Amino acid sequence: MSEIIAGIEIPDSKMAREATQLVRDTETDLLYHHSRRVFLFGALTGERKKLKYDPELLYIGAMFHDMGLMEKYSSAHDRFEVDGANAARNFLHGYGIGENDIEMVWDAIALHTTPGIPQYKKPVVALVTAGVEMDVLGLAYDEFSTEDRKLVVAAHPRGESFKENIIDAFANGTKHKPLTTFGNVKADVLALKDPEYKRLNFCGIILGSAWNDSNVQTDACRNPAHNHA
């Protein structure tokens, strides 16, 4: 019998069940319950906005979106979002899912901490981010009914210290590769949690790059043909 929470049916295919078990076996309780809430808030957003989306693919995107924070799936140099996206891609390949759908789930996970882009992508991509933003940041909080919020949290509790604990989870999953936080929101996490962290500065990188524009300009003046290349 399918599980229904706040009017949203939890996908119950073999693939969905095995994804749930994998996440349950791999992630902490904190991240498991967070991921399920992300699916539910994402699906509720989709229903409210009357979007057409594949619930099963949304479920996979939500369940794998933080998998890259886990040591087993964490690479040495890629962003944790990319690690999670790669884990989902490998998982989906085992179930005969088409490449377009796999890439959509990959995008949903890889972009979920990149504000301003996901809402213009396919609904599955947009809704994973919408679920994350609701659960972590409280964005669009008042657009969800009080009853739906209570039902979701009753099924998958946040706990009294979720805000502090999720920040700790982000820090623990990224502090071994701080350079991957450049240009994304996890830089704020390490700035708060890691006293050794040194934030990179975009303008500083530009100004300190190997380019010597005065020499380039001089060379162009000496070789007028360069101006017409």
C-alpha atoms as a PDB file:
ATOM      1  CA  MET A   1       0.000   0.000   0.000  1.00  0.00           C
ATOM      2  CA  SER A   2       1.376   3.389  -1.008  1.00  0.00           C
ATOM      3  CA  GLU A   3       2.342   5.901   1.664  1.00  0.00           C
ATOM      4  CA  ILE A   4       0.616   9.271   1.367  1.00  0.00           C
ATOM      5  CA  ILE A   5       1.830  12.337   3.277  1.00  0.00           C
ATOM      6  CA  ALA A   6       0.088  15.712   3.004  1.00  0.00           C
ATOM      7  CA  GLY A   7      -1.745  14.391  -0.045  1.00  0.00           C
ATOM      8  CA  ILE A   8       1.503  13.430  -1.794  1.00  0.00           C
ATOM      9  CA  GLU A   9       2.035   9.796  -2.698  1.00  0.00           C
ATOM     10  CA  ILE A  10       5.537   8.503  -2.038  1.00  0.00           C
ATOM     11  CA  PRO A  11       6.784   6.616  -5.130  1.00  0.00           C
ATOM     12  CA  ASP A  12       6.694   2.884  -4.451  1.00  0.00           C
ATOM     13  CA  SER A  13       8.389   1.339  -7.470  1.00  0.00           C
ATOM     14  CA  LYS A  14      11.285  -1.092  -7.034  1.00  0.00           C
ATOM     15  CA  MET A  15      13.669   1.697  -8.018  1.00  0.00           C
ATOM     16  CA  ALA A  16      12.189   4.139  -5.506  1.00  0.00           C
ATOM     17  CA  ARG A  17      12.212   1.579  -2.701  1.00  0.00           C
ATOM     18  CA  GLU A  18      15.817   0.651  -3.376  1.00  0.00           C
ATOM     19  CA  ALA A  19      16.805   4.320  -3.522  1.00  0.00           C
ATOM     20  CA  THR A  20      15.151   4.829  -0.149  1.00  0.00           C
ATOM     21  CA  GLN A  21      17.008   1.880   1.328  1.00  0.00           C
ATOM     22  CA  LEU A  22      20.324   3.052  -0.086  1.00  0.00           C
ATOM     23  CA  VAL A  23      19.883   6.515   1.389  1.00  0.00           C
ATOM     24  CA  ARG A  24      18.688   5.044   4.690  1.00  0.00           C
ATOM     25  CA  ASP A  25      21.778   2.838   4.844  1.00  0.00           C
ATOM     26  CA  THR A  26      24.179   5.602   3.810  1.00  0.00           C
ATOM     27  CA  GLU A  27      23.013   8.914   5.225  1.00  0.00           C
ATOM     28  CA  THR A  28      22.412  10.110   8.763  1.00  0.00           C
ATOM     29  CA  ASP A  29      18.865  10.306  10.107  1.00  0.00           C
ATOM     30  CA  LEU A  30      19.128  14.081   9.768  1.00  0.00           C
ATOM     31  CA  LEU A  31      19.824  13.939   6.026  1.00  0.00           C
ATOM     32  CA  TYR A  32      17.386  11.110   5.350  1.00  0.00           C
ATOM     33  CA  HIS A  33      14.453  12.963   6.884  1.00  0.00           C
ATOM     34  CA  HIS A  34      15.587  16.207   5.250  1.00  0.00           C
ATOM     35  CA  SER A  35      15.684  14.512   1.837  1.00  0.00           C
ATOM     36  CA  ARG A  36      12.187  13.099   2.243  1.00  0.00           C
ATOM     37  CA  ARG A  37      10.896  16.532   3.241  1.00  0.00           C
ATOM     38  CA  VAL A  38      12.604  18.008   0.186  1.00  0.00           C
ATOM     39  CA  PHE A  39      10.629  15.600  -1.993  1.00  0.00           C
ATOM     40  CA  LEU A  40       7.369  16.393  -0.225  1.00  0.00           C
ATOM     41  CA  PHE A  41       7.803  20.159  -0.279  1.00  0.00           C
ATOM     42  CA  GLY A  42       8.976  19.965  -3.884  1.00  0.00           C
ATOM     43  CA  ALA A  43       5.947  17.888  -4.866  1.00  0.00           C
ATOM     44  CA  LEU A  44       3.585  20.202  -2.982  1.00  0.00           C
ATOM     45  CA  THR A  45       5.130  23.126  -4.869  1.00  0.00           C
ATOM     46  CA  GLY A  46       4.561  21.291  -8.130  1.00  0.00           C
ATOM     47  CA  GLU A  47       0.930  20.651  -7.256  1.00  0.00           C
ATOM     48  CA  ARG A  48       0.380  24.268  -6.249  1.00  0.00           C
ATOM     49  CA  LYS A  49       1.945  25.550  -9.460  1.00  0.00           C
ATOM     50  CA  LYS A  50       0.200  22.898 -11.566  1.00  0.00           C
ATOM     51  CA  LEU A  51       3.467  21.661 -13.033  1.00  0.00           C
ATOM     52  CA  LYS A  52       3.760  18.374 -14.896  1.00  0.00           C
ATOM     53  CA  TYR A  53       6.624  16.355 -13.476  1.00  0.00           C
ATOM     54  CA  ASP A  54       7.679  12.759 -12.984  1.00  0.00           C
ATOM     55  CA  PRO A  55       7.247  12.031  -9.251  1.00  0.00           C
ATOM     56  CA  GLU A  56       9.711   9.151  -9.355  1.00  0.00           C
ATOM     57  CA  LEU A  57      12.483  11.254 -10.878  1.00  0.00           C
ATOM     58  CA  LEU A  58      11.743  14.060  -8.438  1.00  0.00           C
ATOM     59  CA  TYR A  59      12.014  11.505  -5.649  1.00  0.00           C
ATOM     60  CA  ILE A  60      15.416  10.278  -6.845  1.00  0.00           C
ATOM     61  CA  GLY A  61      16.656  13.858  -7.160  1.00  0.00           C
ATOM     62  CA  ALA A  62      15.497  14.692  -3.657  1.00  0.00           C
ATOM     63  CA  MET A  63      16.824  11.531  -2.056  1.00  0.00           C
ATOM     64  CA  PHE A  64      20.277  11.802  -3.639  1.00  0.00           C
ATOM     65  CA  HIS A  65      20.711  15.567  -3.421  1.00  0.00           C
ATOM     66  CA  ASP A  66      22.918  15.419  -0.294  1.00  0.00           C
ATOM     67  CA  MET A  67      24.556  12.061  -0.937  1.00  0.00           C
ATOM     68  CA  GLY A  68      27.807  13.835  -1.815  1.00  0.00           C
ATOM     69  CA  LEU A  69      28.149  14.904   1.817  1.00  0.00           C
ATOM     70  CA  MET A  70      28.733  11.261   2.767  1.00  0.00           C
ATOM     71  CA  GLU A  71      32.338  10.023   2.823  1.00  0.00           C
ATOM     72  CA  LYS A  72      31.519   6.993   0.664  1.00  0.00           C
ATOM     73  CA  TYR A  73      30.369   9.217  -2.206  1.00  0.00           C
ATOM     74  CA  SER A  74      32.596  12.229  -1.634  1.00  0.00           C
ATOM     75  CA  SER A  75      35.319  12.863  -4.211  1.00  0.00           C
ATOM     76  CA  ALA A  76      38.552  14.678  -3.493  1.00  0.00           C
ATOM     77  CA  HIS A  77      38.002  17.637  -5.788  1.00  0.00           C
ATOM     78  CA  ASP A  78      34.410  17.933  -7.069  1.00  0.00           C
ATOM     79  CA  ARG A  79      31.644  19.940  -5.417  1.00  0.00           C
ATOM     80  CA  PHE A  80      29.492  17.792  -3.156  1.00  0.00           C
ATOM     81  CA  GLU A  81      26.500  18.558  -5.388  1.00  0.00           C
ATOM     82  CA  VAL A  82      28.339  17.010  -8.342  1.00  0.00           C
ATOM     83  CA  ASP A  83      29.248  13.968  -6.245  1.00  0.00           C
ATOM     84  CA  GLY A  84      25.580  13.466  -5.388  1.00  0.00           C
ATOM     85  CA  ALA A  85      24.561  13.966  -8.999  1.00  0.00           C
ATOM     86  CA  ASN A  86      27.106  11.393 -10.129  1.00  0.00           C
ATOM     87  CA  ALA A  87      25.858   8.917  -7.523  1.00  0.00           C
ATOM     88  CA  ALA A  88      22.294   9.361  -8.778  1.00  0.00           C
ATOM     89  CA  ARG A  89      23.432   8.943 -12.384  1.00  0.00           C
ATOM     90  CA  ASN A  90      25.180   5.673 -11.571  1.00  0.00           C
ATOM     91  CA  PHE A  91      22.147   4.460  -9.656  1.00  0.00           C
ATOM     92  CA  LEU A  92      19.704   5.309 -12.456  1.00  0.00           C
ATOM     93  CA  HIS A  93      21.838   3.567 -15.077  1.00  0.00           C
ATOM     94  CA  GLY A  94      21.026   0.325 -13.286  1.00  0.00           C
ATOM     95  CA  TYR A  95      17.305   0.736 -13.944  1.00  0.00           C
ATOM     96  CA  GLY A  96      17.281   1.443 -17.661  1.00  0.00           C
ATOM     97  CA  ILE A  97      16.348   5.098 -17.287  1.00  0.00           C
ATOM     98  CA  GLY A  98      16.822   7.144 -20.472  1.00  0.00           C
ATOM     99  CA  GLU A  99      19.785   9.484 -20.766  1.00  0.00           C
ATOM    100  CA  ASN A 100      17.634  12.619 -20.989  1.00  0.00           C
ATOM    101  CA  ASP A 101      15.913  11.757 -17.727  1.00  0.00           C
ATOM    102  CA  ILE A 102      19.214  10.893 -16.092  1.00  0.00           C
ATOM    103  CA  GLU A 103      20.680  14.237 -17.135  1.00  0.00           C
ATOM    104  CA  MET A 104      17.603  16.013 -15.780  1.00  0.00           C
ATOM    105  CA  VAL A 105      18.081  14.377 -12.369  1.00  0.00           C
ATOM    106  CA  TRP A 106      21.805  15.150 -12.560  1.00  0.00           C
ATOM    107  CA  ASP A 107      21.006  18.822 -13.168  1.00  0.00           C
ATOM    108  CA  ALA A 108      18.454  18.834 -10.347  1.00  0.00           C
ATOM    109  CA  ILE A 109      21.071  17.718  -7.850  1.00  0.00           C
ATOM    110  CA  ALA A 110      24.052  19.619  -9.221  1.00  0.00           C
ATOM    111  CA  LEU A 111      22.166  22.924  -9.308  1.00  0.00           C
ATOM    112  CA  HIS A 112      20.270  22.732  -6.032  1.00  0.00           C
ATOM    113  CA  THR A 113      22.572  25.239  -4.283  1.00  0.00           C
ATOM    114  CA  THR A 114      22.850  27.598  -7.239  1.00  0.00           C
ATOM    115  CA  PRO A 115      20.080  30.179  -6.817  1.00  0.00           C
ATOM    116  CA  GLY A 116      18.529  31.879  -9.814  1.00  0.00           C
ATOM    117  CA  ILE A 117      18.905  29.062 -12.357  1.00  0.00           C
ATOM    118  CA  PRO A 118      16.847  25.971 -11.383  1.00  0.00           C
ATOM    119  CA  GLN A 119      13.453  27.706 -11.612  1.00  0.00           C
ATOM    120  CA  TYR A 120      14.018  28.161 -15.348  1.00  0.00           C
ATOM    121  CA  LYS A 121      14.865  24.508 -15.954  1.00  0.00           C
ATOM    122  CA  LYS A 122      12.610  21.433 -16.235  1.00  0.00           C
ATOM    123  CA  PRO A 123      10.082  20.984 -13.395  1.00  0.00           C
ATOM    124  CA  VAL A 124      12.048  18.179 -11.727  1.00  0.00           C
ATOM    125  CA  VAL A 125      15.100  20.460 -11.556  1.00  0.00           C
ATOM    126  CA  ALA A 126      13.075  23.407 -10.299  1.00  0.00           C
ATOM    127  CA  LEU A 127      11.189  21.374  -7.710  1.00  0.00           C
ATOM    128  CA  VAL A 128      14.214  19.765  -6.072  1.00  0.00           C
ATOM    129  CA  THR A 129      15.569  23.249  -5.434  1.00  0.00           C
ATOM    130  CA  ALA A 130      12.153  24.488  -4.291  1.00  0.00           C
ATOM    131  CA  GLY A 131      12.021  21.661  -1.748  1.00  0.00           C
ATOM    132  CA  VAL A 132      15.534  22.408  -0.504  1.00  0.00           C
ATOM    133  CA  GLU A 133      14.846  26.125  -0.239  1.00  0.00           C
ATOM    134  CA  MET A 134      11.671  25.529   1.740  1.00  0.00           C
ATOM    135  CA  ASP A 135      13.193  23.040   4.167  1.00  0.00           C
ATOM    136  CA  VAL A 136      16.551  24.739   4.722  1.00  0.00           C
ATOM    137  CA  LEU A 137      15.840  28.423   4.129  1.00  0.00           C
ATOM    138  CA  GLY A 138      12.108  28.638   4.741  1.00  0.00           C
ATOM    139  CA  LEU A 139      11.528  30.245   1.341  1.00  0.00           C
ATOM    140  CA  ALA A 140       7.845  30.337   0.337  1.00  0.00           C
ATOM    141  CA  TYR A 141       7.011  29.095   3.848  1.00  0.00           C
ATOM    142  CA  ASP A 142       3.648  30.857   3.911  1.00  0.00           C
ATOM    143  CA  GLU A 143       2.676  29.401   0.548  1.00  0.00           C
ATOM    144  CA  PHE A 144       2.335  26.000   2.208  1.00  0.00           C
ATOM    145  CA  SER A 145      -0.687  25.434   4.398  1.00  0.00           C
ATOM    146  CA  THR A 146      -0.149  25.027   8.128  1.00  0.00           C
ATOM    147  CA  GLU A 147      -1.713  21.578   7.894  1.00  0.00           C
ATOM    148  CA  ASP A 148       0.637  20.433   5.125  1.00  0.00           C
ATOM    149  CA  ARG A 149       3.687  21.688   6.996  1.00  0.00           C
ATOM    150  CA  LYS A 150       2.586  19.848  10.135  1.00  0.00           C
ATOM    151  CA  LEU A 151       1.891  16.614   8.245  1.00  0.00           C
ATOM    152  CA  VAL A 152       5.279  16.658   6.532  1.00  0.00           C
ATOM    153  CA  VAL A 153       7.181  17.344   9.747  1.00  0.00           C
ATOM    154  CA  ALA A 154       5.147  14.776  11.675  1.00  0.00           C
ATOM    155  CA  ALA A 155       6.181  12.115   9.160  1.00  0.00           C
ATOM    156  CA  HIS A 156       9.786  13.310   8.953  1.00  0.00           C
ATOM    157  CA  PRO A 157      10.725  15.349  12.034  1.00  0.00           C
ATOM    158  CA  ARG A 158      13.137  18.266  11.850  1.00  0.00           C
ATOM    159  CA  GLY A 159      14.176  18.072  15.480  1.00  0.00           C
ATOM    160  CA  GLU A 160      14.768  21.031  17.776  1.00  0.00           C
ATOM    161  CA  SER A 161      18.208  21.891  16.394  1.00  0.00           C
ATOM    162  CA  PHE A 162      17.773  21.185  12.681  1.00  0.00           C
ATOM    163  CA  LYS A 163      19.085  24.582  11.601  1.00  0.00           C
ATOM    164  CA  GLU A 164      22.352  24.198  13.483  1.00  0.00           C
ATOM    165  CA  ASN A 165      22.682  20.508  12.650  1.00  0.00           C
ATOM    166  CA  ILE A 166      22.200  20.900   8.906  1.00  0.00           C
ATOM    167  CA  ILE A 167      24.887  23.592   8.847  1.00  0.00           C
ATOM    168  CA  ASP A 168      27.195  21.185  10.679  1.00  0.00           C
ATOM    169  CA  ALA A 169      26.399  18.475   8.118  1.00  0.00           C
ATOM    170  CA  PHE A 170      27.254  20.841   5.276  1.00  0.00           C
ATOM    171  CA  ALA A 171      30.522  21.800   6.961  1.00  0.00           C
ATOM    172  CA  ASN A 172      31.548  18.218   7.698  1.00  0.00           C
ATOM    173  CA  GLY A 173      30.866  17.229   4.106  1.00  0.00           C
ATOM    174  CA  THR A 174      32.880  20.043   2.518  1.00  0.00           C
ATOM    175  CA  LYS A 175      35.693  21.058   4.873  1.00  0.00           C
ATOM    176  CA  HIS A 176      38.131  18.534   3.366  1.00  0.00           C
ATOM    177  CA  LYS A 177      37.869  20.266  -0.029  1.00  0.00           C
ATOM    178  CA  PRO A 178      37.322  23.959   0.716  1.00  0.00           C
ATOM    179  CA  LEU A 179      38.185  25.139  -2.802  1.00  0.00           C
ATOM    180  CA  THR A 180      34.947  23.531  -4.053  1.00  0.00           C
ATOM    181  CA  THR A 181      32.926  26.094  -2.119  1.00  0.00           C
ATOM    182  CA  PHE A 182      34.193  29.007  -4.219  1.00  0.00           C
ATOM    183  CA  GLY A 183      31.283  30.820  -5.837  1.00  0.00           C
ATOM    184  CA  ASN A 184      28.548  28.906  -4.011  1.00  0.00           C
ATOM    185  CA  VAL A 185      26.653  29.076  -0.747  1.00  0.00           C
ATOM    186  CA  LYS A 186      28.828  26.530   1.052  1.00  0.00           C
ATOM    187  CA  ALA A 187      31.536  29.186   1.338  1.00  0.00           C
ATOM    188  CA  ASP A 188      29.301  30.799   3.970  1.00  0.00           C
ATOM    189  CA  VAL A 189      29.142  27.481   5.837  1.00  0.00           C
ATOM    190  CA  LEU A 190      32.917  27.101   6.060  1.00  0.00           C
ATOM    191  CA  ALA A 191      33.356  30.777   6.925  1.00  0.00           C
ATOM    192  CA  LEU A 192      31.119  30.121   9.943  1.00  0.00           C
ATOM    193  CA  LYS A 193      32.356  26.682  10.956  1.00  0.00           C
ATOM    194  CA  ASP A 194      36.005  26.344   9.953  1.00  0.00           C
ATOM    195  CA  PRO A 195      38.452  28.832  11.553  1.00  0.00           C
ATOM    196  CA  GLU A 196      41.139  27.731   9.071  1.00  0.00           C
ATOM    197  CA  TYR A 197      39.002  28.490   6.032  1.00  0.00           C
ATOM    198  CA  LYS A 198      40.190  31.289   3.763  1.00  0.00           C
ATOM    199  CA  ARG A 199      37.528  32.522   1.395  1.00  0.00           C
ATOM    200  CA  LEU A 200      38.630  33.028  -2.209  1.00  0.00           C
ATOM    201  CA  ASN A 201      37.760  36.374  -3.762  1.00  0.00           C
ATOM    202  CA  PHE A 202      36.599  36.513  -7.381  1.00  0.00           C
ATOM    203  CA  CYS A 203      37.996  39.994  -7.980  1.00  0.00           C
ATOM    204  CA  GLY A 204      41.256  39.048  -6.312  1.00  0.00           C
ATOM    205  CA  ILE A 205      41.603  36.074  -8.657  1.00  0.00           C
ATOM    206  CA  ILE A 206      41.014  38.308 -11.687  1.00  0.00           C
ATOM    207  CA  LEU A 207      43.492  40.953 -10.533  1.00  0.00           C
ATOM    208  CA  GLY A 208      46.079  38.367  -9.553  1.00  0.00           C
ATOM    209  CA  SER A 209      45.846  36.245 -12.694  1.00  0.00           C
ATOM    210  CA  ALA A 210      48.829  35.554 -14.972  1.00  0.00           C
ATOM    211  CA  TRP A 211      47.565  38.005 -17.570  1.00  0.00           C
ATOM    212  CA  ASN A 212      49.659  41.156 -17.960  1.00  0.00           C
ATOM    213  CA  ASP A 213      47.281  43.353 -19.914  1.00  0.00           C
ATOM    214  CA  SER A 214      49.728  46.238 -20.223  1.00  0.00           C
ATOM    215  CA  ASN A 215      52.113  43.940 -22.109  1.00  0.00           C
ATOM    216  CA  VAL A 216      49.292  42.615 -24.281  1.00  0.00           C
ATOM    217  CA  GLN A 217      48.298  46.168 -25.175  1.00  0.00           C
ATOM    218  CA  THR A 218      51.907  47.079 -25.980  1.00  0.00           C
ATOM    219  CA  ASP A 219      52.318  44.040 -28.215  1.00  0.00           C
ATOM    220  CA  ALA A 220      49.127  44.889 -30.093  1.00  0.00           C
ATOM    221  CA  CYS A 221      50.401  48.431 -30.745  1.00  0.00           C
ATOM    222  CA  ARG A 222      53.668  47.076 -32.084  1.00  0.00           C
ATOM    223  CA  ASN A 223      51.835  44.602 -34.336  1.00  0.00           C
ATOM    224  CA  PRO A 224      48.830  46.441 -35.836  1.00  0.00           C
ATOM    225  CA  ALA A 225      47.763  43.294 -37.670  1.00  0.00           C
ATOM    226  CA  HIS A 226      46.712  41.863 -34.294  1.00  0.00           C
ATOM    227  CA  ASN A 227      43.969  44.456 -34.104  1.00  0.00           C
ATOM    228  CA  HIS A 228      42.313  42.910 -37.157  1.00  0.00           C
ATOM    229  CA  ALA A 229      42.703  39.257 -36.247  1.00  0.00           C
END
